[in-house]
Amino acid sequence: MLLVHYNDLKADRDGEIRRIADFLDIDIPATLWPEIVAAAGFDAMKAQGEMLLGHQQQTFVGGAARFLHKGTNGRWKDVVSSADLARYDAQVEALFTPDLAHWVANGWGKR
C-alpha cells in the first residue's frame, strides 16, 4: 500500500507522481512527464471534474464543482467545533503512532 497525501502532491507534484509510478512499477517516457504533471494539477482536474467524478459527483451537493472547490487544505478549521476537535485529538493520540498522526495532519513534507 502506498499512502499519498494531498499536501505532498501540492508541494512536489512531479516528485509524488514519480513516487507513485515507481511504486506501481510503471515506466513512463520522459516526454510524457510534463503532460502528466499538468493533468494532475488542480486547475486541470477541476476543469474535467464532471468527467473525472462521473456519477459520483451526485454524492456532493453542487457536484464536481463543489467537490473540487478551491484545492486548499484547512478550510474545515472554521467549521468544526472545538469539542469535536478535542474528541478527534484524543482519538488520534489513542490510536495513531506519532509518525502516523503527523502524516495524517501534514503529509511528509512538514516536519
PDB file of N, CA and C in Angstrom:
ATOM      1  N   MET A   1       0.842  -1.164   0.000  1.00  0.00           N
ATOM      2  CA  MET A   1       0.000   0.000   0.000  1.00  0.00           C
ATOM      3  C   MET A   1       0.897   1.240   0.000  1.00  0.00           C
ATOM      4  N   LEU A   2       0.523   2.191  -0.787  1.00  0.00           N
ATOM      5  CA  LEU A   2       1.249   3.452  -0.853  1.00  0.00           C
ATOM      6  C   LEU A   2       0.318   4.556  -0.388  1.00  0.00           C
ATOM      7  N   LEU A   3       0.735   5.314   0.606  1.00  0.00           N
ATOM      8  CA  LEU A   3      -0.044   6.448   1.077  1.00  0.00           C
ATOM      9  C   LEU A   3       0.423   7.703   0.354  1.00  0.00           C
ATOM     10  N   VAL A   4      -0.530   8.458  -0.145  1.00  0.00           N
ATOM     11  CA  VAL A   4      -0.246   9.710  -0.847  1.00  0.00           C
ATOM     12  C   VAL A   4      -1.060  10.798  -0.171  1.00  0.00           C
ATOM     13  N   HIS A   5      -0.400  11.861   0.225  1.00  0.00           N
ATOM     14  CA  HIS A   5      -1.068  12.961   0.933  1.00  0.00           C
ATOM     15  C   HIS A   5      -1.205  14.165   0.001  1.00  0.00           C
ATOM     16  N   TYR A   6      -2.343  14.810   0.055  1.00  0.00           N
ATOM     17  CA  TYR A   6      -2.606  15.966  -0.799  1.00  0.00           C
ATOM     18  C   TYR A   6      -1.552  17.063  -0.596  1.00  0.00           C
ATOM     19  N   ASN A   7      -1.141  17.304   0.643  1.00  0.00           N
ATOM     20  CA  ASN A   7      -0.121  18.336   0.882  1.00  0.00           C
ATOM     21  C   ASN A   7       1.174  18.020   0.145  1.00  0.00           C
ATOM     22  N   ASP A   8       1.554  16.747   0.120  1.00  0.00           N
ATOM     23  CA  ASP A   8       2.773  16.372  -0.583  1.00  0.00           C
ATOM     24  C   ASP A   8       2.618  16.534  -2.095  1.00  0.00           C
ATOM     25  N   LEU A   9       1.431  16.226  -2.604  1.00  0.00           N
ATOM     26  CA  LEU A   9       1.172  16.452  -4.032  1.00  0.00           C
ATOM     27  C   LEU A   9       1.242  17.933  -4.376  1.00  0.00           C
ATOM     28  N   LYS A  10       0.710  18.768  -3.498  1.00  0.00           N
ATOM     29  CA  LYS A  10       0.766  20.208  -3.748  1.00  0.00           C
ATOM     30  C   LYS A  10       2.193  20.728  -3.682  1.00  0.00           C
ATOM     31  N   ALA A  11       2.980  20.200  -2.761  1.00  0.00           N
ATOM     32  CA  ALA A  11       4.345  20.687  -2.569  1.00  0.00           C
ATOM     33  C   ALA A  11       5.293  20.212  -3.671  1.00  0.00           C
ATOM     34  N   ASP A  12       5.080  18.985  -4.153  1.00  0.00           N
ATOM     35  CA  ASP A  12       6.006  18.407  -5.151  1.00  0.00           C
ATOM     36  C   ASP A  12       5.243  17.411  -6.017  1.00  0.00           C
ATOM     37  N   ARG A  13       4.358  17.923  -6.861  1.00  0.00           N
ATOM     38  CA  ARG A  13       3.523  17.059  -7.695  1.00  0.00           C
ATOM     39  C   ARG A  13       4.365  16.128  -8.559  1.00  0.00           C
ATOM     40  N   ASP A  14       5.394  16.674  -9.198  1.00  0.00           N
ATOM     41  CA  ASP A  14       6.248  15.851 -10.051  1.00  0.00           C
ATOM     42  C   ASP A  14       6.881  14.709  -9.252  1.00  0.00           C
ATOM     43  N   GLY A  15       7.439  15.021  -8.095  1.00  0.00           N
ATOM     44  CA  GLY A  15       8.084  14.005  -7.270  1.00  0.00           C
ATOM     45  C   GLY A  15       7.114  12.943  -6.780  1.00  0.00           C
ATOM     46  N   GLU A  16       5.919  13.357  -6.394  1.00  0.00           N
ATOM     47  CA  GLU A  16       4.922  12.395  -5.915  1.00  0.00           C
ATOM     48  C   GLU A  16       4.426  11.503  -7.049  1.00  0.00           C
ATOM     49  N   ILE A  17       4.248  12.073  -8.238  1.00  0.00           N
ATOM     50  CA  ILE A  17       3.832  11.253  -9.375  1.00  0.00           C
ATOM     51  C   ILE A  17       4.924  10.241  -9.711  1.00  0.00           C
ATOM     52  N   ARG A  18       6.171  10.650  -9.640  1.00  0.00           N
ATOM     53  CA  ARG A  18       7.275   9.706  -9.868  1.00  0.00           C
ATOM     54  C   ARG A  18       7.271   8.607  -8.813  1.00  0.00           C
ATOM     55  N   ARG A  19       6.999   8.982  -7.563  1.00  0.00           N
ATOM     56  CA  ARG A  19       6.957   8.003  -6.472  1.00  0.00           C
ATOM     57  C   ARG A  19       5.828   6.997  -6.701  1.00  0.00           C
ATOM     58  N   ILE A  20       4.680   7.483  -7.152  1.00  0.00           N
ATOM     59  CA  ILE A  20       3.540   6.600  -7.439  1.00  0.00           C
ATOM     60  C   ILE A  20       3.880   5.670  -8.604  1.00  0.00           C
ATOM     61  N   ALA A  21       4.444   6.229  -9.659  1.00  0.00           N
ATOM     62  CA  ALA A  21       4.807   5.399 -10.820  1.00  0.00           C
ATOM     63  C   ALA A  21       5.842   4.345 -10.426  1.00  0.00           C
ATOM     64  N   ASP A  22       6.820   4.726  -9.618  1.00  0.00           N
ATOM     65  CA  ASP A  22       7.827   3.754  -9.158  1.00  0.00           C
ATOM     66  C   ASP A  22       7.166   2.642  -8.346  1.00  0.00           C
ATOM     67  N   PHE A  23       6.259   3.020  -7.444  1.00  0.00           N
ATOM     68  CA  PHE A  23       5.581   2.025  -6.612  1.00  0.00           C
ATOM     69  C   PHE A  23       4.792   1.040  -7.469  1.00  0.00           C
ATOM     70  N   LEU A  24       4.151   1.554  -8.517  1.00  0.00           N
ATOM     71  CA  LEU A  24       3.347   0.713  -9.404  1.00  0.00           C
ATOM     72  C   LEU A  24       4.181   0.049 -10.502  1.00  0.00           C
ATOM     73  N   ASP A  25       5.471   0.333 -10.503  1.00  0.00           N
ATOM     74  CA  ASP A  25       6.390  -0.212 -11.499  1.00  0.00           C
ATOM     75  C   ASP A  25       5.946   0.152 -12.920  1.00  0.00           C
ATOM     76  N   ILE A  26       5.598   1.429 -13.089  1.00  0.00           N
ATOM     77  CA  ILE A  26       5.181   1.946 -14.384  1.00  0.00           C
ATOM     78  C   ILE A  26       6.315   2.801 -14.942  1.00  0.00           C
ATOM     79  N   ASP A  27       6.773   2.450 -16.120  1.00  0.00           N
ATOM     80  CA  ASP A  27       7.824   3.199 -16.791  1.00  0.00           C
ATOM     81  C   ASP A  27       7.156   4.188 -17.741  1.00  0.00           C
ATOM     82  N   ILE A  28       7.305   5.456 -17.445  1.00  0.00           N
ATOM     83  CA  ILE A  28       6.669   6.490 -18.260  1.00  0.00           C
ATOM     84  C   ILE A  28       7.757   7.252 -19.010  1.00  0.00           C
ATOM     85  N   PRO A  29       7.629   7.359 -20.316  1.00  0.00           N
ATOM     86  CA  PRO A  29       8.630   8.094 -21.096  1.00  0.00           C
ATOM     87  C   PRO A  29       8.764   9.540 -20.614  1.00  0.00           C
ATOM     88  N   ALA A  30       9.992  10.013 -20.564  1.00  0.00           N
ATOM     89  CA  ALA A  30      10.266  11.368 -20.080  1.00  0.00           C
ATOM     90  C   ALA A  30       9.475  12.422 -20.849  1.00  0.00           C
ATOM     91  N   THR A  31       9.215  12.172 -22.123  1.00  0.00           N
ATOM     92  CA  THR A  31       8.485  13.153 -22.929  1.00  0.00           C
ATOM     93  C   THR A  31       7.041  13.327 -22.459  1.00  0.00           C
ATOM     94  N   LEU A  32       6.500  12.340 -21.742  1.00  0.00           N
ATOM     95  CA  LEU A  32       5.119  12.437 -21.254  1.00  0.00           C
ATOM     96  C   LEU A  32       5.003  13.109 -19.882  1.00  0.00           C
ATOM     97  N   TRP A  33       6.112  13.212 -19.136  1.00  0.00           N
ATOM     98  CA  TRP A  33       6.040  13.741 -17.774  1.00  0.00           C
ATOM     99  C   TRP A  33       5.397  15.118 -17.686  1.00  0.00           C
ATOM    100  N   PRO A  34       5.778  16.088 -18.498  1.00  0.00           N
ATOM    101  CA  PRO A  34       5.151  17.410 -18.363  1.00  0.00           C
ATOM    102  C   PRO A  34       3.623  17.358 -18.530  1.00  0.00           C
ATOM    103  N   GLU A  35       3.169  16.560 -19.481  1.00  0.00           N
ATOM    104  CA  GLU A  35       1.721  16.428 -19.716  1.00  0.00           C
ATOM    105  C   GLU A  35       1.032  15.764 -18.518  1.00  0.00           C
ATOM    106  N   ILE A  36       1.655  14.737 -17.963  1.00  0.00           N
ATOM    107  CA  ILE A  36       1.074  14.032 -16.816  1.00  0.00           C
ATOM    108  C   ILE A  36       1.033  14.940 -15.592  1.00  0.00           C
ATOM    109  N   VAL A  37       2.125  15.640 -15.341  1.00  0.00           N
ATOM    110  CA  VAL A  37       2.177  16.546 -14.189  1.00  0.00           C
ATOM    111  C   VAL A  37       1.130  17.646 -14.336  1.00  0.00           C
ATOM    112  N   ALA A  38       0.987  18.197 -15.527  1.00  0.00           N
ATOM    113  CA  ALA A  38      -0.015  19.240 -15.757  1.00  0.00           C
ATOM    114  C   ALA A  38      -1.431  18.690 -15.578  1.00  0.00           C
ATOM    115  N   ALA A  39      -1.688  17.484 -16.069  1.00  0.00           N
ATOM    116  CA  ALA A  39      -3.027  16.889 -15.968  1.00  0.00           C
ATOM    117  C   ALA A  39      -3.418  16.589 -14.530  1.00  0.00           C
ATOM    118  N   ALA A  40      -2.432  16.401 -13.663  1.00  0.00           N
ATOM    119  CA  ALA A  40      -2.709  16.111 -12.252  1.00  0.00           C
ATOM    120  C   ALA A  40      -2.825  17.375 -11.415  1.00  0.00           C
ATOM    121  N   GLY A  41      -2.711  18.533 -12.030  1.00  0.00           N
ATOM    122  CA  GLY A  41      -2.850  19.790 -11.310  1.00  0.00           C
ATOM    123  C   GLY A  41      -4.301  20.089 -10.988  1.00  0.00           C
ATOM    124  N   PHE A  42      -4.512  20.885  -9.954  1.00  0.00           N
ATOM    125  CA  PHE A  42      -5.874  21.185  -9.508  1.00  0.00           C
ATOM    126  C   PHE A  42      -6.701  21.838 -10.609  1.00  0.00           C
ATOM    127  N   ASP A  43      -6.154  22.821 -11.290  1.00  0.00           N
ATOM    128  CA  ASP A  43      -6.928  23.524 -12.321  1.00  0.00           C
ATOM    129  C   ASP A  43      -7.368  22.578 -13.432  1.00  0.00           C
ATOM    130  N   ALA A  44      -6.473  21.691 -13.846  1.00  0.00           N
ATOM    131  CA  ALA A  44      -6.819  20.725 -14.896  1.00  0.00           C
ATOM    132  C   ALA A  44      -7.883  19.747 -14.403  1.00  0.00           C
ATOM    133  N   MET A  45      -7.738  19.301 -13.158  1.00  0.00           N
ATOM    134  CA  MET A  45      -8.718  18.355 -12.619  1.00  0.00           C
ATOM    135  C   MET A  45     -10.079  19.025 -12.427  1.00  0.00           C
ATOM    136  N   LYS A  46     -10.080  20.264 -11.954  1.00  0.00           N
ATOM    137  CA  LYS A  46     -11.340  20.982 -11.776  1.00  0.00           C
ATOM    138  C   LYS A  46     -12.042  21.177 -13.120  1.00  0.00           C
ATOM    139  N   ALA A  47     -11.279  21.506 -14.147  1.00  0.00           N
ATOM    140  CA  ALA A  47     -11.855  21.708 -15.475  1.00  0.00           C
ATOM    141  C   ALA A  47     -12.493  20.434 -16.016  1.00  0.00           C
ATOM    142  N   GLN A  48     -11.985  19.278 -15.587  1.00  0.00           N
ATOM    143  CA  GLN A  48     -12.519  17.994 -16.044  1.00  0.00           C
ATOM    144  C   GLN A  48     -13.291  17.272 -14.937  1.00  0.00           C
ATOM    145  N   GLY A  49     -13.703  18.001 -13.923  1.00  0.00           N
ATOM    146  CA  GLY A  49     -14.326  17.399 -12.757  1.00  0.00           C
ATOM    147  C   GLY A  49     -15.518  16.503 -13.040  1.00  0.00           C
ATOM    148  N   GLU A  50     -16.407  16.938 -13.918  1.00  0.00           N
ATOM    149  CA  GLU A  50     -17.588  16.123 -14.212  1.00  0.00           C
ATOM    150  C   GLU A  50     -17.193  14.790 -14.834  1.00  0.00           C
ATOM    151  N   MET A  51     -16.224  14.811 -15.732  1.00  0.00           N
ATOM    152  CA  MET A  51     -15.771  13.577 -16.371  1.00  0.00           C
ATOM    153  C   MET A  51     -15.031  12.694 -15.364  1.00  0.00           C
ATOM    154  N   LEU A  52     -14.183  13.296 -14.533  1.00  0.00           N
ATOM    155  CA  LEU A  52     -13.397  12.519 -13.580  1.00  0.00           C
ATOM    156  C   LEU A  52     -14.257  11.866 -12.503  1.00  0.00           C
ATOM    157  N   LEU A  53     -15.238  12.601 -12.009  1.00  0.00           N
ATOM    158  CA  LEU A  53     -16.086  12.062 -10.936  1.00  0.00           C
ATOM    159  C   LEU A  53     -17.245  11.226 -11.461  1.00  0.00           C
ATOM    160  N   GLY A  54     -17.631  11.447 -12.713  1.00  0.00           N
ATOM    161  CA  GLY A  54     -18.739  10.681 -13.283  1.00  0.00           C
ATOM    162  C   GLY A  54     -19.980  10.779 -12.408  1.00  0.00           C
ATOM    163  N   HIS A  55     -20.661   9.665 -12.211  1.00  0.00           N
ATOM    164  CA  HIS A  55     -21.901   9.689 -11.423  1.00  0.00           C
ATOM    165  C   HIS A  55     -21.638   9.911  -9.934  1.00  0.00           C
ATOM    166  N   GLN A  56     -20.392   9.787  -9.493  1.00  0.00           N
ATOM    167  CA  GLN A  56     -20.073  10.028  -8.081  1.00  0.00           C
ATOM    168  C   GLN A  56     -20.296  11.484  -7.685  1.00  0.00           C
ATOM    169  N   GLN A  57     -20.269  12.384  -8.659  1.00  0.00           N
ATOM    170  CA  GLN A  57     -20.471  13.789  -8.319  1.00  0.00           C
ATOM    171  C   GLN A  57     -21.862  14.043  -7.748  1.00  0.00           C
ATOM    172  N   GLN A  58     -22.791  13.132  -7.998  1.00  0.00           N
ATOM    173  CA  GLN A  58     -24.144  13.269  -7.439  1.00  0.00           C
ATOM    174  C   GLN A  58     -24.133  13.156  -5.917  1.00  0.00           C
ATOM    175  N   THR A  59     -23.081  12.568  -5.365  1.00  0.00           N
ATOM    176  CA  THR A  59     -22.954  12.406  -3.922  1.00  0.00           C
ATOM    177  C   THR A  59     -22.740  13.750  -3.237  1.00  0.00           C
ATOM    178  N   PHE A  60     -22.195  14.727  -3.944  1.00  0.00           N
ATOM    179  CA  PHE A  60     -21.835  16.010  -3.364  1.00  0.00           C
ATOM    180  C   PHE A  60     -22.822  17.094  -3.788  1.00  0.00           C
ATOM    181  N   VAL A  61     -23.330  17.835  -2.811  1.00  0.00           N
ATOM    182  CA  VAL A  61     -24.171  18.981  -3.119  1.00  0.00           C
ATOM    183  C   VAL A  61     -23.336  19.934  -3.969  1.00  0.00           C
ATOM    184  N   GLY A  62     -23.791  20.274  -5.131  1.00  0.00           N
ATOM    185  CA  GLY A  62     -23.030  21.118  -6.035  1.00  0.00           C
ATOM    186  C   GLY A  62     -22.135  20.341  -6.983  1.00  0.00           C
ATOM    187  N   GLY A  63     -22.137  19.008  -6.864  1.00  0.00           N
ATOM    188  CA  GLY A  63     -21.418  18.142  -7.787  1.00  0.00           C
ATOM    189  C   GLY A  63     -19.914  18.337  -7.797  1.00  0.00           C
ATOM    190  N   ALA A  64     -19.330  18.126  -8.966  1.00  0.00           N
ATOM    191  CA  ALA A  64     -17.876  18.174  -9.121  1.00  0.00           C
ATOM    192  C   ALA A  64     -17.323  19.551  -8.789  1.00  0.00           C
ATOM    193  N   ALA A  65     -18.051  20.603  -9.146  1.00  0.00           N
ATOM    194  CA  ALA A  65     -17.568  21.958  -8.876  1.00  0.00           C
ATOM    195  C   ALA A  65     -17.429  22.207  -7.379  1.00  0.00           C
ATOM    196  N   ARG A  66     -18.294  21.614  -6.588  1.00  0.00           N
ATOM    197  CA  ARG A  66     -18.216  21.776  -5.134  1.00  0.00           C
ATOM    198  C   ARG A  66     -17.131  20.871  -4.549  1.00  0.00           C
ATOM    199  N   PHE A  67     -17.036  19.640  -5.050  1.00  0.00           N
ATOM    200  CA  PHE A  67     -16.026  18.716  -4.550  1.00  0.00           C
ATOM    201  C   PHE A  67     -14.626  19.235  -4.856  1.00  0.00           C
ATOM    202  N   LEU A  68     -14.418  19.704  -6.068  1.00  0.00           N
ATOM    203  CA  LEU A  68     -13.141  20.281  -6.485  1.00  0.00           C
ATOM    204  C   LEU A  68     -13.258  21.802  -6.378  1.00  0.00           C
ATOM    205  N   HIS A  69     -13.401  22.292  -5.162  1.00  0.00           N
ATOM    206  CA  HIS A  69     -13.760  23.690  -4.930  1.00  0.00           C
ATOM    207  C   HIS A  69     -12.569  24.649  -5.041  1.00  0.00           C
ATOM    208  N   LYS A  70     -11.604  24.554  -4.121  1.00  0.00           N
ATOM    209  CA  LYS A  70     -10.500  25.513  -4.102  1.00  0.00           C
ATOM    210  C   LYS A  70      -9.118  24.873  -4.163  1.00  0.00           C
ATOM    211  N   GLY A  71      -9.014  23.620  -3.816  1.00  0.00           N
ATOM    212  CA  GLY A  71      -7.717  22.970  -3.820  1.00  0.00           C
ATOM    213  C   GLY A  71      -6.830  23.381  -2.658  1.00  0.00           C
ATOM    214  N   THR A  72      -7.443  23.790  -1.560  1.00  0.00           N
ATOM    215  CA  THR A  72      -6.682  24.174  -0.370  1.00  0.00           C
ATOM    216  C   THR A  72      -7.078  23.284   0.799  1.00  0.00           C
ATOM    217  N   ASN A  73      -6.176  23.154   1.733  1.00  0.00           N
ATOM    218  CA  ASN A  73      -6.454  22.401   2.952  1.00  0.00           C
ATOM    219  C   ASN A  73      -6.741  23.349   4.104  1.00  0.00           C
ATOM    220  N   GLY A  74      -7.370  22.817   5.129  1.00  0.00           N
ATOM    221  CA  GLY A  74      -7.575  23.583   6.355  1.00  0.00           C
ATOM    222  C   GLY A  74      -8.858  24.383   6.412  1.00  0.00           C
ATOM    223  N   ARG A  75      -9.684  24.337   5.372  1.00  0.00           N
ATOM    224  CA  ARG A  75     -10.929  25.110   5.393  1.00  0.00           C
ATOM    225  C   ARG A  75     -11.893  24.601   6.447  1.00  0.00           C
ATOM    226  N   TRP A  76     -11.705  23.379   6.925  1.00  0.00           N
ATOM    227  CA  TRP A  76     -12.565  22.783   7.942  1.00  0.00           C
ATOM    228  C   TRP A  76     -12.385  23.453   9.297  1.00  0.00           C
ATOM    229  N   LYS A  77     -11.272  24.152   9.522  1.00  0.00           N
ATOM    230  CA  LYS A  77     -10.958  24.696  10.844  1.00  0.00           C
ATOM    231  C   LYS A  77     -12.009  25.667  11.356  1.00  0.00           C
ATOM    232  N   ASP A  78     -12.677  26.371  10.476  1.00  0.00           N
ATOM    233  CA  ASP A  78     -13.708  27.319  10.899  1.00  0.00           C
ATOM    234  C   ASP A  78     -15.087  26.682  10.956  1.00  0.00           C
ATOM    235  N   VAL A  79     -15.184  25.385  10.669  1.00  0.00           N
ATOM    236  CA  VAL A  79     -16.471  24.700  10.616  1.00  0.00           C
ATOM    237  C   VAL A  79     -16.641  23.721  11.773  1.00  0.00           C
ATOM    238  N   VAL A  80     -15.551  23.069  12.168  1.00  0.00           N
ATOM    239  CA  VAL A  80     -15.600  22.033  13.195  1.00  0.00           C
ATOM    240  C   VAL A  80     -15.514  22.683  14.577  1.00  0.00           C
ATOM    241  N   SER A  81     -16.334  22.214  15.493  1.00  0.00           N
ATOM    242  CA  SER A  81     -16.350  22.797  16.835  1.00  0.00           C
ATOM    243  C   SER A  81     -15.109  22.404  17.633  1.00  0.00           C
ATOM    244  N   SER A  82     -14.793  23.177  18.643  1.00  0.00           N
ATOM    245  CA  SER A  82     -13.643  22.863  19.487  1.00  0.00           C
ATOM    246  C   SER A  82     -13.857  21.545  20.226  1.00  0.00           C
ATOM    247  N   ALA A  83     -15.100  21.224  20.577  1.00  0.00           N
ATOM    248  CA  ALA A  83     -15.388  19.941  21.231  1.00  0.00           C
ATOM    249  C   ALA A  83     -15.111  18.777  20.278  1.00  0.00           C
ATOM    250  N   ASP A  84     -15.506  18.921  19.008  1.00  0.00           N
ATOM    251  CA  ASP A  84     -15.226  17.877  18.017  1.00  0.00           C
ATOM    252  C   ASP A  84     -13.724  17.728  17.796  1.00  0.00           C
ATOM    253  N   LEU A  85     -13.016  18.846  17.738  1.00  0.00           N
ATOM    254  CA  LEU A  85     -11.567  18.787  17.566  1.00  0.00           C
ATOM    255  C   LEU A  85     -10.899  18.100  18.755  1.00  0.00           C
ATOM    256  N   ALA A  86     -11.377  18.365  19.948  1.00  0.00           N
ATOM    257  CA  ALA A  86     -10.816  17.723  21.140  1.00  0.00           C
ATOM    258  C   ALA A  86     -11.050  16.217  21.095  1.00  0.00           C
ATOM    259  N   ARG A  87     -12.233  15.792  20.671  1.00  0.00           N
ATOM    260  CA  ARG A  87     -12.510  14.353  20.531  1.00  0.00           C
ATOM    261  C   ARG A  87     -11.611  13.733  19.473  1.00  0.00           C
ATOM    262  N   TYR A  88     -11.437  14.426  18.380  1.00  0.00           N
ATOM    263  CA  TYR A  88     -10.555  13.942  17.321  1.00  0.00           C
ATOM    264  C   TYR A  88      -9.121  13.800  17.845  1.00  0.00           C
ATOM    265  N   ASP A  89      -8.628  14.848  18.496  1.00  0.00           N
ATOM    266  CA  ASP A  89      -7.263  14.810  19.017  1.00  0.00           C
ATOM    267  C   ASP A  89      -7.078  13.656  20.006  1.00  0.00           C
ATOM    268  N   ALA A  90      -8.077  13.394  20.832  1.00  0.00           N
ATOM    269  CA  ALA A  90      -7.995  12.290  21.791  1.00  0.00           C
ATOM    270  C   ALA A  90      -7.926  10.945  21.073  1.00  0.00           C
ATOM    271  N   GLN A  91      -8.708  10.794  20.017  1.00  0.00           N
ATOM    272  CA  GLN A  91      -8.678   9.549  19.245  1.00  0.00           C
ATOM    273  C   GLN A  91      -7.347   9.369  18.531  1.00  0.00           C
ATOM    274  N   VAL A  92      -6.833  10.437  17.965  1.00  0.00           N
ATOM    275  CA  VAL A  92      -5.534  10.375  17.294  1.00  0.00           C
ATOM    276  C   VAL A  92      -4.457   9.960  18.295  1.00  0.00           C
ATOM    277  N   GLU A  93      -4.465  10.579  19.461  1.00  0.00           N
ATOM    278  CA  GLU A  93      -3.457  10.251  20.470  1.00  0.00           C
ATOM    279  C   GLU A  93      -3.577   8.798  20.924  1.00  0.00           C
ATOM    280  N   ALA A  94      -4.799   8.304  21.027  1.00  0.00           N
ATOM    281  CA  ALA A  94      -5.021   6.930  21.498  1.00  0.00           C
ATOM    282  C   ALA A  94      -4.698   5.883  20.433  1.00  0.00           C
ATOM    283  N   LEU A  95      -4.936   6.198  19.161  1.00  0.00           N
ATOM    284  CA  LEU A  95      -4.890   5.167  18.123  1.00  0.00           C
ATOM    285  C   LEU A  95      -3.727   5.275  17.139  1.00  0.00           C
ATOM    286  N   PHE A  96      -3.123   6.444  17.010  1.00  0.00           N
ATOM    287  CA  PHE A  96      -2.091   6.649  15.997  1.00  0.00           C
ATOM    288  C   PHE A  96      -0.705   6.696  16.632  1.00  0.00           C
ATOM    289  N   THR A  97       0.278   6.213  15.891  1.00  0.00           N
ATOM    290  CA  THR A  97       1.660   6.460  16.286  1.00  0.00           C
ATOM    291  C   THR A  97       1.944   7.937  16.015  1.00  0.00           C
ATOM    292  N   PRO A  98       2.967   8.502  16.645  1.00  0.00           N
ATOM    293  CA  PRO A  98       3.297   9.901  16.348  1.00  0.00           C
ATOM    294  C   PRO A  98       3.571  10.157  14.864  1.00  0.00           C
ATOM    295  N   ASP A  99       4.264   9.226  14.194  1.00  0.00           N
ATOM    296  CA  ASP A  99       4.543   9.413  12.763  1.00  0.00           C
ATOM    297  C   ASP A  99       3.267   9.413  11.933  1.00  0.00           C
ATOM    298  N   LEU A 100       2.335   8.507  12.247  1.00  0.00           N
ATOM    299  CA  LEU A 100       1.075   8.472  11.507  1.00  0.00           C
ATOM    300  C   LEU A 100       0.262   9.728  11.766  1.00  0.00           C
ATOM    301  N   ALA A 101       0.207  10.168  13.005  1.00  0.00           N
ATOM    302  CA  ALA A 101      -0.534  11.394  13.333  1.00  0.00           C
ATOM    303  C   ALA A 101       0.028  12.584  12.563  1.00  0.00           C
ATOM    304  N   HIS A 102       1.354  12.659  12.503  1.00  0.00           N
ATOM    305  CA  HIS A 102       1.985  13.746  11.750  1.00  0.00           C
ATOM    306  C   HIS A 102       1.616  13.661  10.271  1.00  0.00           C
ATOM    307  N   TRP A 103       1.712  12.464   9.698  1.00  0.00           N
ATOM    308  CA  TRP A 103       1.426  12.315   8.279  1.00  0.00           C
ATOM    309  C   TRP A 103      -0.031  12.667   7.966  1.00  0.00           C
ATOM    310  N   VAL A 104      -0.960  12.196   8.766  1.00  0.00           N
ATOM    311  CA  VAL A 104      -2.374  12.488   8.522  1.00  0.00           C
ATOM    312  C   VAL A 104      -2.619  14.001   8.538  1.00  0.00           C
ATOM    313  N   ALA A 105      -1.994  14.701   9.449  1.00  0.00           N
ATOM    314  CA  ALA A 105      -2.210  16.143   9.567  1.00  0.00           C
ATOM    315  C   ALA A 105      -1.465  16.955   8.525  1.00  0.00           C
ATOM    316  N   ASN A 106      -0.294  16.476   8.088  1.00  0.00           N
ATOM    317  CA  ASN A 106       0.586  17.331   7.281  1.00  0.00           C
ATOM    318  C   ASN A 106       1.130  16.721   6.004  1.00  0.00           C
ATOM    319  N   GLY A 107       1.164  15.417   5.908  1.00  0.00           N
ATOM    320  CA  GLY A 107       1.950  14.778   4.863  1.00  0.00           C
ATOM    321  C   GLY A 107       3.382  14.678   5.345  1.00  0.00           C
ATOM    322  N   TRP A 108       4.272  14.178   4.488  1.00  0.00           N
ATOM    323  CA  TRP A 108       5.668  14.004   4.892  1.00  0.00           C
ATOM    324  C   TRP A 108       6.466  15.295   4.790  1.00  0.00           C
ATOM    325  N   GLY A 109       6.002  16.229   3.977  1.00  0.00           N
ATOM    326  CA  GLY A 109       6.780  17.439   3.709  1.00  0.00           C
ATOM    327  C   GLY A 109       7.067  18.321   4.896  1.00  0.00           C
ATOM    328  N   LYS A 110       6.190  18.388   5.864  1.00  0.00           N
ATOM    329  CA  LYS A 110       6.381  19.278   7.017  1.00  0.00           C
ATOM    330  C   LYS A 110       6.804  18.459   8.228  1.00  0.00           C
ATOM    331  N   ARG A 111       7.946  18.771   8.777  1.00  0.00           N
ATOM    332  CA  ARG A 111       8.428  18.080   9.990  1.00  0.00           C
ATOM    333  C   ARG A 111       8.922  19.076  10.972  1.00  0.00           C
TER     334      ARG A 111
END
